[in-house]
């Protein structure tokens, strides 16, 4: 099938359904709020904090789902009304500690430059080529190794990203993005003030921090697998093809049904990059209906874990390779 024919088919799914959107918001927000209330009651009654931590894992899953709604609003794919997307997007942003306009700008850059070797650096996972790593200083190699270390990348960095890094301006931040960051920071302060006069700062942190930890780690993991896998497509600017970047530079991450639901079917990431105007609740149906989309070999849970050990892009082999493959080259 030609690209034009496939894109025409995809447009049939790029239509927000207000009823589905409202139901998704209602169920997600109510269940998330219910879990937080349950966590607070558990602590208030003096029961084991381990119960609160267990509930925070589930709540973290629902916070990921809220972030997917936030994500769809940034693409203006969740509602036909741009204003509705902005309002809901900002509400979701407050819950996920993420400035709406700022993140929207970064994510737009990501979509416009994914898999382009000359345009790395905004909204993506730091990826060095083999040649760049070999010629880098020992200090830069050490930085890159730390960044790519699974413990740091998936267990430490995600929480730091949402709690700390999201509080500051970026290189691309203009007036609109800066205002959104200021607004978000003020809202976080407001939340802490409300918590101080209601449930208490200690209880708020004991509830919110583990939720954010699990949600951010899950979210970063998904984003990583979506663009970091063995035969991922990368190209220099002069030969970069946006269609190949979507189909071969973005994965189909096949996960269990519950995780697929909580993550808003974002595992069908090749479809999302082909047409970001498709709302999350249409992605799975789109995949099932269009057989040409099945040409992409899915990444399973097991294959996803193997991707952790692929850290560098080899331009000669056109695939990601591990640090261990370079030992002889950098002695």
Protein backbone atom coordinates (compact mmCIF):
# COMPACT_ATOMS: atom_id res chain seq x y z
CA UNK A 1 0.00 0.00 0.00
CA UNK A 2 1.19 3.49 -0.82
CA UNK A 3 1.81 6.01 1.92
CA UNK A 4 -0.98 8.22 0.64
CA UNK A 5 -3.48 5.35 0.73
CA UNK A 6 -2.51 4.37 4.25
CA UNK A 7 -2.69 7.98 5.47
CA UNK A 8 -6.17 8.26 3.93
CA UNK A 9 -7.30 5.17 5.83
CA UNK A 10 -5.86 6.50 9.09
CA UNK A 11 -7.85 9.72 8.78
CA UNK A 12 -11.03 7.72 9.35
CA UNK A 13 -9.86 7.07 12.93
CA UNK A 14 -8.63 10.60 13.62
CA UNK A 15 -12.02 11.70 14.87
CA UNK A 16 -12.57 12.47 18.56
CA UNK A 17 -15.70 11.00 20.11
CA UNK A 18 -16.87 13.38 22.86
CA UNK A 19 -18.88 10.65 24.60
CA UNK A 20 -15.89 8.28 24.72
CA UNK A 21 -13.62 11.10 25.88
CA UNK A 22 -15.96 12.14 28.70
CA UNK A 23 -16.40 8.52 29.83
CA UNK A 24 -12.63 8.01 29.82
CA UNK A 25 -12.05 11.15 31.86
CA UNK A 26 -14.82 10.32 34.33
CA UNK A 27 -13.81 6.72 34.99
CA UNK A 28 -10.09 7.50 35.16
CA UNK A 29 -10.41 10.50 37.47
CA UNK A 30 -12.97 8.85 39.76
CA UNK A 31 -10.97 5.66 40.17
CA UNK A 32 -7.76 7.65 40.72
CA UNK A 33 -9.44 9.83 43.34
CA UNK A 34 -10.95 6.75 44.99
CA UNK A 35 -7.54 5.13 45.31
CA UNK A 36 -6.07 8.28 46.88
CA UNK A 37 -8.93 8.43 49.40
CA UNK A 38 -8.39 4.75 50.21
CA UNK A 39 -4.67 5.40 50.76
CA UNK A 40 -5.43 8.30 53.10
CA UNK A 41 -8.00 6.30 55.09
CA UNK A 42 -5.53 3.45 55.43
CA UNK A 43 -2.95 5.84 56.90
CA UNK A 44 -5.52 7.61 59.07
CA UNK A 45 -6.64 4.27 60.56
CA UNK A 46 -3.04 3.41 61.33
CA UNK A 47 -2.91 0.33 59.13
CA UNK A 48 0.33 -0.84 57.52
CA UNK A 49 1.95 1.64 55.17
CA UNK A 50 2.65 -1.31 52.90
CA UNK A 51 -1.04 -1.29 51.99
CA UNK A 52 -0.69 2.36 50.98
CA UNK A 53 2.34 1.47 48.85
CA UNK A 54 0.45 -1.37 47.19
CA UNK A 55 -2.41 0.98 46.36
CA UNK A 56 0.09 3.53 45.05
CA UNK A 57 1.21 1.06 42.37
CA UNK A 58 -2.39 0.83 41.11
CA UNK A 59 -2.88 4.59 41.45
CA UNK A 60 0.35 5.09 39.52
CA UNK A 61 -1.17 3.10 36.67
CA UNK A 62 -4.16 5.44 36.62
CA UNK A 63 -1.87 8.47 36.71
CA UNK A 64 -0.23 7.08 33.56
CA UNK A 65 -3.72 6.96 32.03
CA UNK A 66 -4.27 10.59 33.05
CA UNK A 67 -0.99 11.47 31.36
CA UNK A 68 -2.23 9.78 28.18
CA UNK A 69 -5.30 12.03 28.27
CA UNK A 70 -2.91 14.96 28.79
CA UNK A 71 -0.88 13.70 25.83
CA UNK A 72 -3.92 13.42 23.56
CA UNK A 73 -5.04 16.91 24.54
CA UNK A 74 -1.62 18.24 23.52
CA UNK A 75 -2.25 16.79 20.05
CA UNK A 76 -5.80 18.18 20.16
CA UNK A 77 -7.04 14.69 19.38
CA UNK A 78 -9.15 14.19 22.50
CA UNK A 79 -11.88 16.74 21.75
CA UNK A 80 -12.97 18.55 18.60
CA UNK A 81 -12.80 21.78 20.61
CA UNK A 82 -9.24 23.16 21.02
CA UNK A 83 -10.40 25.04 24.14
CA UNK A 84 -11.65 21.82 25.73
CA UNK A 85 -8.28 20.20 25.02
CA UNK A 86 -6.46 23.13 26.66
CA UNK A 87 -8.67 23.07 29.77
CA UNK A 88 -8.54 19.30 30.27
CA UNK A 89 -4.85 19.24 29.33
CA UNK A 90 -3.99 21.78 32.02
CA UNK A 91 -6.01 19.88 34.65
CA UNK A 92 -4.20 16.67 33.75
CA UNK A 93 -0.94 18.62 33.78
CA UNK A 94 -1.53 19.70 37.38
CA UNK A 95 -2.12 16.09 38.42
CA UNK A 96 1.02 14.92 36.60
CA UNK A 97 3.23 17.90 37.62
CA UNK A 98 3.74 18.83 33.96
CA UNK A 99 3.26 22.25 32.35
CA UNK A 100 0.86 21.77 29.44
CA UNK A 101 2.12 24.30 26.89
CA UNK A 102 5.77 23.60 27.68
CA UNK A 103 5.38 19.85 27.25
CA UNK A 104 3.23 20.30 24.17
CA UNK A 105 6.03 22.28 22.51
CA UNK A 106 8.68 19.67 23.38
CA UNK A 107 6.47 16.84 22.19
CA UNK A 108 5.75 18.60 18.90
CA UNK A 109 9.51 18.87 18.34
CA UNK A 110 9.82 15.16 19.12
CA UNK A 111 7.22 14.25 16.50
CA UNK A 112 8.84 16.46 13.90
CA UNK A 113 12.34 15.07 14.44
CA UNK A 114 12.03 11.48 15.71
CA UNK A 115 14.79 9.24 14.31
CA UNK A 116 16.62 12.23 12.76
CA UNK A 117 20.28 12.08 13.76
CA UNK A 118 20.79 15.81 13.21
CA UNK A 119 17.82 16.81 15.36
CA UNK A 120 18.33 14.89 18.57
CA UNK A 121 18.02 16.55 21.96
CA UNK A 122 14.42 17.63 22.61
CA UNK A 123 11.71 15.29 23.82
CA UNK A 124 13.69 12.12 23.20
CA UNK A 125 16.04 9.65 24.86
CA UNK A 126 19.68 10.75 24.70
CA UNK A 127 21.21 8.46 22.06
CA UNK A 128 24.82 8.58 20.93
CA UNK A 129 26.18 6.90 17.83
CA UNK A 130 29.09 4.49 18.08
CA UNK A 131 31.39 7.03 16.40
CA UNK A 132 30.33 9.79 18.79
CA UNK A 133 30.91 7.60 21.83
CA UNK A 134 34.32 6.39 20.66
CA UNK A 135 35.51 9.97 20.08
CA UNK A 136 33.95 11.36 23.28
CA UNK A 137 35.94 12.31 26.38
CA UNK A 138 36.01 9.93 29.32
CA UNK A 139 33.85 12.37 31.28
CA UNK A 140 31.16 12.45 28.59
CA UNK A 141 31.25 8.66 28.30
CA UNK A 142 30.77 8.43 32.06
CA UNK A 143 27.80 10.82 31.85
CA UNK A 144 26.25 8.77 29.08
CA UNK A 145 26.80 5.51 30.91
CA UNK A 146 25.10 6.92 34.00
CA UNK A 147 22.19 8.19 31.92
CA UNK A 148 21.83 4.79 30.25
CA UNK A 149 22.17 2.84 33.48
CA UNK A 150 18.79 1.07 33.98
CA UNK A 151 18.62 1.82 37.72
CA UNK A 152 19.19 5.53 37.15
CA UNK A 153 17.17 5.79 33.94
CA UNK A 154 14.03 3.99 35.13
CA UNK A 155 14.04 4.30 38.93
CA UNK A 156 15.72 7.62 39.74
CA UNK A 157 15.58 9.94 36.72
CA UNK A 158 11.80 9.71 36.08
CA UNK A 159 10.83 11.09 39.50
CA UNK A 160 13.52 13.78 39.24
CA UNK A 161 12.19 14.71 35.80
CA UNK A 162 8.62 15.29 36.95
CA UNK A 163 9.43 16.75 40.37
CA UNK A 164 12.49 18.88 39.59
CA UNK A 165 13.38 19.26 35.91
CA UNK A 166 9.83 20.15 34.87
CA UNK A 167 9.98 23.19 37.16
CA UNK A 168 12.51 25.04 34.96
CA UNK A 169 12.59 26.73 31.56
CA UNK A 170 14.10 24.84 28.62
CA UNK A 171 16.22 26.06 25.70
CA UNK A 172 13.15 26.07 23.47
CA UNK A 173 10.89 27.83 26.00
CA UNK A 174 9.28 31.01 24.69
CA UNK A 175 6.83 33.30 26.49
CA UNK A 176 3.90 30.86 26.26
CA UNK A 177 5.93 27.93 27.55
CA UNK A 178 7.46 30.00 30.36
CA UNK A 179 4.01 31.16 31.50
CA UNK A 180 2.81 27.56 31.58
CA UNK A 181 5.78 26.53 33.74
CA UNK A 182 5.18 29.43 36.14
CA UNK A 183 1.46 28.53 36.31
CA UNK A 184 2.28 24.90 37.05
CA UNK A 185 4.77 25.80 39.78
CA UNK A 186 2.20 28.08 41.42
CA UNK A 187 -0.41 25.32 41.27
CA UNK A 188 1.98 22.90 42.97
CA UNK A 189 2.55 25.45 45.74
CA UNK A 190 -1.23 25.86 46.01
CA UNK A 191 -1.65 22.08 46.34
CA UNK A 192 0.88 22.00 49.18
CA UNK A 193 -0.94 24.84 50.94
CA UNK A 194 -4.26 22.97 50.63
CA UNK A 195 -2.59 19.80 51.90
CA UNK A 196 -1.13 21.69 54.87
CA UNK A 197 -4.59 22.82 56.00
CA UNK A 198 -6.32 19.50 55.30
CA UNK A 199 -4.54 16.13 55.34
CA UNK A 200 -1.11 17.47 56.31
CA UNK A 201 2.10 17.79 54.28
CA UNK A 202 3.51 14.53 55.63
CA UNK A 203 0.46 12.53 54.59
CA UNK A 204 0.33 14.23 51.20
CA UNK A 205 3.98 13.36 50.45
CA UNK A 206 3.52 9.82 51.76
CA UNK A 207 0.66 9.36 49.29
CA UNK A 208 1.75 11.41 46.26
CA UNK A 209 5.46 10.57 46.11
CA UNK A 210 5.12 6.79 45.62
CA UNK A 211 2.30 7.34 43.09
CA UNK A 212 4.51 9.71 41.12
CA UNK A 213 7.45 7.31 41.42
CA UNK A 214 5.56 4.36 39.93
CA UNK A 215 3.72 6.44 37.30
CA UNK A 216 6.85 8.24 36.08
CA UNK A 217 8.89 5.03 35.94
CA UNK A 218 6.17 3.25 33.96
CA UNK A 219 5.79 6.24 31.65
CA UNK A 220 9.52 6.59 30.99
CA UNK A 221 9.75 2.85 30.40
CA UNK A 222 7.01 3.00 27.75
CA UNK A 223 8.61 6.00 26.05
CA UNK A 224 11.98 4.26 26.04
CA UNK A 225 10.66 1.07 24.41
CA UNK A 226 8.74 3.09 21.84
CA UNK A 227 11.96 4.39 20.27
CA UNK A 228 14.80 2.24 21.63
CA UNK A 229 14.90 -1.25 20.16
CA UNK A 230 17.38 -3.36 18.18
CA UNK A 231 16.55 -2.54 14.56
CA UNK A 232 15.20 0.95 15.13
CA UNK A 233 15.36 3.35 12.20
CA UNK A 234 17.66 6.39 12.40
CA UNK A 235 18.85 8.52 9.50
CA UNK A 236 20.71 11.71 8.71
CA UNK A 237 18.65 14.75 7.79
CA UNK A 238 19.23 14.50 4.03
CA UNK A 239 17.84 10.94 3.86
CA UNK A 240 15.40 11.10 6.79
CA UNK A 241 11.93 9.81 5.87
CA UNK A 242 9.05 10.72 8.25
CA UNK A 243 7.06 7.67 7.10
CA UNK A 244 9.91 5.30 7.94
CA UNK A 245 10.51 7.20 11.17
CA UNK A 246 6.92 6.38 12.17
CA UNK A 247 6.80 2.79 10.93
CA UNK A 248 10.37 1.72 11.73
CA UNK A 249 11.53 4.32 14.25
CA UNK A 250 8.52 3.80 16.51
CA UNK A 251 7.52 0.44 17.92
CA UNK A 252 4.42 -1.63 18.42
CA UNK A 253 4.86 -2.58 22.07
CA UNK A 254 2.60 -5.56 22.77
CA UNK A 255 1.69 -5.65 26.45
CA UNK A 256 -0.95 -7.47 28.57
CA UNK A 257 -4.54 -6.23 28.23
CA UNK A 258 -4.71 -4.37 31.56
CA UNK A 259 -1.43 -2.53 30.96
CA UNK A 260 -2.54 -1.76 27.41
CA UNK A 261 -5.75 -0.21 28.80
CA UNK A 262 -3.99 1.79 31.53
CA UNK A 263 -1.47 3.12 29.01
CA UNK A 264 -4.19 4.24 26.60
CA UNK A 265 -3.01 1.80 23.91
CA UNK A 266 0.08 3.97 23.41
CA UNK A 267 1.97 0.77 22.62
CA UNK A 268 0.58 1.12 19.09
CA UNK A 269 3.15 3.83 18.76
CA UNK A 270 3.85 3.44 15.07
CA UNK A 271 0.21 4.33 14.42
CA UNK A 272 0.41 7.30 16.75
CA UNK A 273 3.41 8.68 14.85
CA UNK A 274 1.76 8.08 11.51
CA UNK A 275 -1.21 10.17 12.64
CA UNK A 276 -1.03 11.83 16.10
CA UNK A 277 -4.61 13.09 15.69
CA UNK A 278 -5.97 9.60 16.37
CA UNK A 279 -7.30 9.56 19.97
CA UNK A 280 -5.98 6.79 22.20
CA UNK A 281 -9.30 4.90 22.26
CA UNK A 282 -9.18 4.49 18.46
CA UNK A 283 -5.62 3.15 18.19
CA UNK A 284 -6.40 -0.50 18.85
CA UNK A 285 -9.37 -0.57 16.47
CA UNK A 286 -7.25 1.14 13.85
CA UNK A 287 -4.60 -1.56 14.19
CA UNK A 288 -7.16 -4.36 14.01
CA UNK A 289 -8.85 -2.93 10.93
CA UNK A 290 -5.83 -2.02 8.80
CA UNK A 291 -3.79 -5.12 7.99
CA UNK A 292 -0.86 -3.13 6.58
CA UNK A 293 -0.10 -1.96 10.12
CA UNK A 294 0.55 -5.57 11.10
CA UNK A 295 3.76 -5.58 9.07
CA UNK A 296 5.54 -4.16 12.10
CA UNK A 297 6.95 -6.95 14.27
CA UNK A 298 5.69 -6.36 17.81
CA UNK A 299 8.05 -5.91 20.74
CA UNK A 300 7.03 -8.22 23.55
CA UNK A 301 7.70 -7.72 27.26
CA UNK A 302 10.77 -9.97 27.02
CA UNK A 303 12.17 -8.19 23.96
CA UNK A 304 11.54 -4.90 25.70
CA UNK A 305 13.76 -5.87 28.62
CA UNK A 306 16.52 -6.88 26.23
CA UNK A 307 16.45 -3.35 24.79
CA UNK A 308 17.82 -2.04 28.09
CA UNK A 309 21.23 -3.39 27.09
CA UNK A 310 21.32 -1.60 23.73
CA UNK A 311 22.80 1.84 24.26
CA UNK A 312 24.48 3.07 21.05
CA UNK A 313 23.38 3.46 17.45
CA UNK A 314 25.74 1.81 14.99
CA UNK A 315 25.45 3.67 11.69
CA UNK A 316 27.27 0.91 9.82
CA UNK A 317 24.97 -1.90 10.96
CA UNK A 318 21.96 0.43 11.22
CA UNK A 319 20.89 -0.84 14.63
CA UNK A 320 21.37 -0.29 18.33
CA UNK A 321 24.26 -2.13 19.96
CA UNK A 322 25.56 -2.56 23.50
CA UNK A 323 28.56 -1.00 25.22
CA UNK A 324 30.20 -4.42 25.41
CA UNK A 325 30.53 -4.48 21.59
CA UNK A 326 32.91 -1.53 21.75
CA UNK A 327 35.50 -2.69 24.26
CA UNK A 328 38.14 -3.31 21.66
CA UNK A 329 37.52 -0.01 19.86
CA UNK A 330 37.93 2.32 22.83
CA UNK A 331 40.90 0.82 24.69
